[in-house]
Protein backbone atom coordinates (compact mmCIF):
# COMPACT_ATOMS: atom_id res chain seq x y z
CA MET A 1 103.79 110.26 127.97
CA MET A 2 102.39 106.71 127.91
CA SER A 3 100.85 105.72 124.68
CA ILE A 4 98.29 102.68 124.17
CA VAL A 5 98.10 101.88 120.76
CA ARG A 6 94.74 100.03 119.15
CA SER A 7 96.23 99.59 115.62
CA TRP A 8 94.70 97.86 112.44
CA ARG A 9 97.74 96.86 110.14
CA GLY A 10 95.83 94.88 107.46
CA PRO A 11 94.50 91.33 106.91
CA SER A 12 97.38 89.66 109.03
CA ALA A 13 96.53 91.66 111.99
CA PHE A 14 93.86 91.18 114.72
CA ALA A 15 91.56 94.18 114.07
CA LEU A 16 90.32 95.95 117.27
CA ILE A 17 86.92 96.49 115.75
CA ALA A 18 83.55 94.90 116.91
CA LEU A 19 81.52 92.37 114.84
CA PRO A 20 77.92 92.92 114.15
CA MET A 21 74.87 91.23 115.24
CA ALA A 22 74.51 89.53 112.05
CA VAL A 23 77.84 88.04 112.07
CA VAL A 24 78.24 87.24 115.69
CA SER A 25 76.18 87.23 118.91
CA ILE A 26 77.17 89.94 121.12
CA ALA A 27 78.11 89.27 124.55
CA PRO A 28 75.91 90.18 127.55
CA GLN A 29 77.79 93.40 128.23
CA ALA A 30 76.79 94.69 124.75
CA THR A 31 73.82 95.83 126.20
CA GLY A 32 75.74 98.65 128.16
CA GLN A 33 74.94 102.11 127.76
CA ILE A 34 75.77 104.38 124.70
CA TYR A 35 76.91 107.93 125.26
CA GLN A 36 76.19 110.51 122.22
CA PRO A 37 78.83 113.37 122.91
CA THR A 38 78.59 117.05 121.86
CA ILE A 39 81.90 119.11 120.58
CA VAL A 40 82.91 121.54 123.06
CA THR A 41 85.81 123.00 120.37
CA ALA A 42 87.11 122.01 117.15
CA ASN A 43 90.01 122.61 114.96
CA LEU A 44 88.88 120.27 112.19
CA ASN A 45 89.48 122.57 109.31
CA THR A 46 85.72 122.02 107.83
CA ASP A 47 84.86 122.83 104.60
CA THR A 48 82.13 124.83 105.49
CA GLY A 49 81.86 126.15 101.89
CA ILE A 50 80.46 123.03 100.36
CA GLY A 51 77.94 122.87 103.24
CA ALA A 52 80.03 120.58 105.57
CA ASN A 53 79.30 120.87 109.31
CA GLU A 54 81.30 119.03 112.21
CA VAL A 55 78.06 118.59 113.94
CA ASN A 56 77.28 116.12 111.84
CA MET A 57 79.61 113.44 113.41
CA VAL A 58 77.91 113.67 116.60
CA ASN A 59 74.19 114.48 115.77
CA GLY A 60 72.87 111.14 114.41
CA ASN A 61 72.81 112.34 110.90
CA GLY A 62 73.45 109.56 108.21
CA LEU A 63 72.88 106.86 110.79
CA ILE A 64 70.32 104.39 109.32
CA GLY A 65 67.80 102.71 111.74
CA ASP A 66 68.72 104.57 114.97
CA THR A 67 70.34 108.05 115.83
CA LEU A 68 71.57 106.36 119.18
CA PRO A 69 71.11 108.94 121.65
CA THR A 70 72.76 108.73 125.03
CA GLY A 71 71.30 105.34 126.82
CA SER A 72 70.96 103.46 123.48
CA THR A 73 72.45 99.93 123.79
CA VAL A 74 75.66 98.98 122.45
CA ALA A 75 73.86 96.08 120.73
CA ALA A 76 71.81 98.79 118.88
CA ALA A 77 74.94 100.85 117.91
CA MET A 78 76.66 97.89 116.59
CA ALA A 79 73.53 97.01 114.39
CA THR A 80 73.43 100.47 113.01
CA THR A 81 74.93 101.39 109.55
CA HIS A 82 75.89 104.89 108.22
CA ALA A 83 74.95 106.46 104.75
CA PHE A 84 77.40 105.43 102.31
CA GLY A 85 77.65 106.55 98.78
CA GLY A 86 78.52 109.55 96.67
CA SER A 87 77.52 112.38 99.19
CA PHE A 88 79.21 114.05 102.18
CA ILE A 89 76.44 115.90 103.68
CA ASP A 90 75.64 113.60 106.67
CA SER A 91 79.61 113.47 107.67
CA TYR A 92 82.08 115.80 108.88
CA VAL A 93 84.83 116.48 105.99
CA SER A 94 87.61 119.11 106.00
CA VAL A 95 88.53 121.21 103.01
CA GLY A 96 90.33 119.75 100.24
CA ALA A 97 94.32 119.84 99.84
CA PRO A 98 95.38 117.57 97.03
CA PRO A 99 96.89 115.35 96.80
CA ASP A 100 97.34 114.29 100.22
CA TYR A 101 95.70 116.33 102.98
CA PHE A 102 98.22 115.51 105.77
CA ALA A 103 101.07 116.71 103.62
CA ALA A 104 99.83 120.18 103.48
CA ASN A 105 98.00 120.34 106.83
CA GLY A 106 98.64 119.25 110.42
CA PRO A 107 96.34 116.98 112.13
CA VAL A 108 92.83 117.99 112.85
CA SER A 109 90.95 117.92 116.25
CA ALA A 110 87.95 118.18 118.52
CA VAL A 111 87.36 118.04 122.16
CA LEU A 112 84.00 116.07 122.70
CA ASP A 113 81.68 116.40 126.01
CA LEU A 114 80.24 113.07 127.22
CA GLY A 115 77.83 115.46 129.61
CA ALA A 116 79.40 114.15 132.98
CA ASP A 117 81.95 111.86 134.55
CA VAL A 118 80.65 108.33 133.14
CA GLU A 119 82.80 105.08 132.78
CA VAL A 120 84.13 104.65 129.38
CA GLY A 121 85.33 101.33 127.78
CA SER A 122 84.74 101.70 124.06
CA VAL A 123 84.50 104.26 121.34
CA ILE A 124 82.55 103.53 118.28
CA LEU A 125 82.94 105.09 114.93
CA TRP A 126 81.34 105.10 111.37
CA GLN A 127 83.61 106.22 108.38
CA TYR A 128 83.08 109.06 106.14
CA GLU A 129 80.11 108.47 103.90
CA ASN A 130 81.75 109.34 100.73
CA ASN A 131 82.73 106.50 98.31
CA GLY A 132 84.94 108.41 95.72
CA GLY A 133 82.40 107.72 92.76
CA ASN A 134 83.75 104.17 92.53
CA GLY A 135 83.97 102.25 95.98
CA THR A 136 87.58 102.43 96.05
CA ASN A 137 88.48 106.20 95.94
CA VAL A 138 88.04 106.09 99.74
CA GLY A 139 91.40 107.87 100.66
CA ASN A 140 89.41 110.39 102.44
CA HIS A 141 88.46 108.00 105.17
CA ALA A 142 89.72 108.27 108.57
CA LYS A 143 92.79 106.18 109.61
CA THR A 144 94.68 107.16 112.38
CA ILE A 145 92.89 108.68 115.46
CA GLU A 146 94.39 109.58 118.79
CA LEU A 147 92.33 109.98 122.00
CA GLN A 148 93.07 111.45 125.32
CA PHE A 149 90.57 111.94 128.29
CA ASN A 150 89.97 114.18 131.19
CA THR A 151 87.70 114.12 134.13
CA ASP A 152 85.24 116.74 134.73
CA ALA A 153 87.58 118.24 137.45
CA GLU A 154 90.48 118.29 134.81
CA GLY A 155 88.14 120.30 132.42
CA SER A 156 88.45 120.61 128.43
CA ALA A 157 91.16 123.21 128.12
CA SER A 158 94.31 120.96 127.95
CA PHE A 159 95.03 117.12 127.93
CA GLY A 160 98.28 115.70 129.34
CA GLY A 161 97.22 112.02 130.16
CA ALA A 162 98.00 108.88 128.01
CA VAL A 163 97.39 108.95 124.34
CA THR A 164 95.16 105.88 122.90
CA THR A 165 95.72 105.56 119.33
CA ILE A 166 93.36 103.46 116.94
CA GLU A 167 93.20 102.92 113.24
CA MET A 168 89.98 102.65 111.35
CA ALA A 169 89.48 100.47 108.44
CA PRO A 170 88.41 102.14 105.24
CA VAL A 171 84.98 101.02 103.58
CA LEU A 172 85.72 99.45 100.17
CA ASP A 173 83.12 98.51 97.62
CA PRO A 174 85.25 97.22 94.54
CA GLY A 175 82.39 96.32 92.64
CA ASN A 176 80.73 99.79 93.16
CA THR A 177 77.63 97.67 94.05
CA GLY A 178 76.19 100.39 96.72
CA THR A 179 75.50 97.48 98.93
CA VAL A 180 78.55 97.38 101.14
CA PRO A 181 77.66 98.55 104.58
CA ASN A 182 79.35 101.28 106.43
CA GLY A 183 79.15 99.51 109.62
CA ALA A 184 80.19 100.24 113.21
CA GLN A 185 83.74 100.12 114.02
CA ALA A 186 84.30 99.65 117.83
CA PHE A 187 87.80 100.04 119.92
CA ALA A 188 88.23 99.22 123.48
CA VAL A 189 89.32 102.61 125.11
CA GLY A 190 89.29 104.27 128.47
CA GLY A 191 89.74 101.10 130.52
CA GLY A 192 86.47 101.42 132.17
CA ASN A 193 87.42 104.61 133.88
CA SER A 194 85.18 107.72 134.57
CA TYR A 195 85.78 110.72 132.22
CA ARG A 196 83.75 113.61 130.86
CA TYR A 197 85.85 115.03 128.18
CA VAL A 198 87.83 113.36 125.03
CA GLN A 199 89.95 115.30 122.88
CA MET A 200 90.10 113.54 119.46
CA THR A 201 92.98 114.20 117.04
CA ILE A 202 92.98 112.64 113.63
CA THR A 203 96.80 112.42 112.25
CA ASP A 204 96.02 110.21 108.97
CA ASN A 205 93.66 109.40 106.15
CA HIS A 206 93.77 106.44 103.79
CA PHE A 207 95.75 108.15 101.16
CA GLU A 208 97.82 105.49 99.23
CA SER A 209 96.57 102.72 101.57
CA PRO A 210 96.55 99.37 99.71
CA ASP A 211 93.75 98.76 97.39
CA VAL A 212 92.59 102.57 97.97
CA THR A 213 92.76 103.63 94.55
CA GLY A 214 92.03 107.40 94.86
CA GLY A 215 91.15 110.13 97.41
CA GLY A 216 93.11 111.51 100.51
CA ASP A 217 92.89 115.32 99.71
CA ARG A 218 90.45 115.48 102.53
CA ILE A 219 89.63 113.82 105.85
CA GLY A 220 86.07 112.86 106.96
CA VAL A 221 84.40 110.92 109.91
CA GLY A 222 80.88 109.89 109.55
CA GLU A 223 79.85 109.44 113.18
CA ILE A 224 81.28 108.77 116.77
CA ARG A 225 79.70 107.37 120.06
CA PHE A 226 81.20 106.09 123.41
CA ALA A 227 80.33 102.96 125.44
CA ARG A 228 80.28 102.04 128.78
CA GLU A 229 81.71 98.77 128.41
CA ALA A 230 84.38 97.41 126.23
CA VAL A 231 82.98 96.02 122.96
CA PRO A 232 83.92 92.45 122.16
CA GLU A 233 86.47 92.23 119.40
CA PRO A 234 87.41 91.61 116.23
CA ALA A 235 85.04 93.38 113.76
CA SER A 236 82.61 93.02 110.93
CA VAL A 237 84.04 95.96 109.04
CA PHE A 238 87.38 93.97 108.88
CA LEU A 239 85.55 91.07 107.51
CA VAL A 240 84.07 93.26 105.07
CA TYR A 241 87.34 94.56 104.14
CA LEU A 242 88.88 90.95 103.83
CA ALA A 243 86.25 90.21 101.40
CA SER A 244 86.71 93.37 99.46
CA LEU A 245 90.34 92.53 99.15
CA ALA A 246 89.63 89.15 98.04
CA ILE A 247 87.58 90.50 95.20
CA LEU A 248 90.13 92.79 94.23
CA ALA A 249 92.98 90.13 94.26
CA ILE A 250 90.57 87.92 91.96
CA ARG A 251 90.32 90.95 89.70
CA LYS A 252 94.00 91.44 89.55
CA ARG A 253 94.87 88.04 88.78
CA ARG A 254 92.23 88.04 85.83
């Protein structure tokens, strides 16, 4: 099976995430259409016992400024942030399995429905909103995600096509300021082909990632959207991540 990798490997790599309006002007195609998916089936091991709900990663809860329904622009999506702090209530989050969720459990997955066959050029995600209490205990943030696509005719029951792998950056707030944005992370996927169904499989979190000081016993995602066009790269969240690393490096030298 062919696999297409969209990976983020740290400060030395080229991050496949898109810049926000505040950092760079978005190319004309960024006015293209957003698709808000629904969940067909899920195997997410959601922690319903604490009130978590996987629907919160597709219903706009936690998005600040715009809930981004289908028909919204990519420019609006890239300018939208997600809640980030001590809560989890506006995100999907799994049950806990310390110390590392994926050491005790397999991948989590969901099949998403875009409503009809539509051209897909990008996926746009926002990280899990919980900051672990100090801004760097963000091991529960999603890292490695695999996507597979089906047309309406192929249905949602099984996926045998190419796997596209993306890697999300964590949101780090080393100063625990509460002002670091949980911004959109965009990745080119789909190749502009028409699809209706997307199987999303999360295979890793940021447990023991560089400069992540805690967490990892769960896996969470804030929100997900798809877009018709490929969003320009690289990304704002990567720039925020670089700034966070610089702050941490300065503190370590003191």
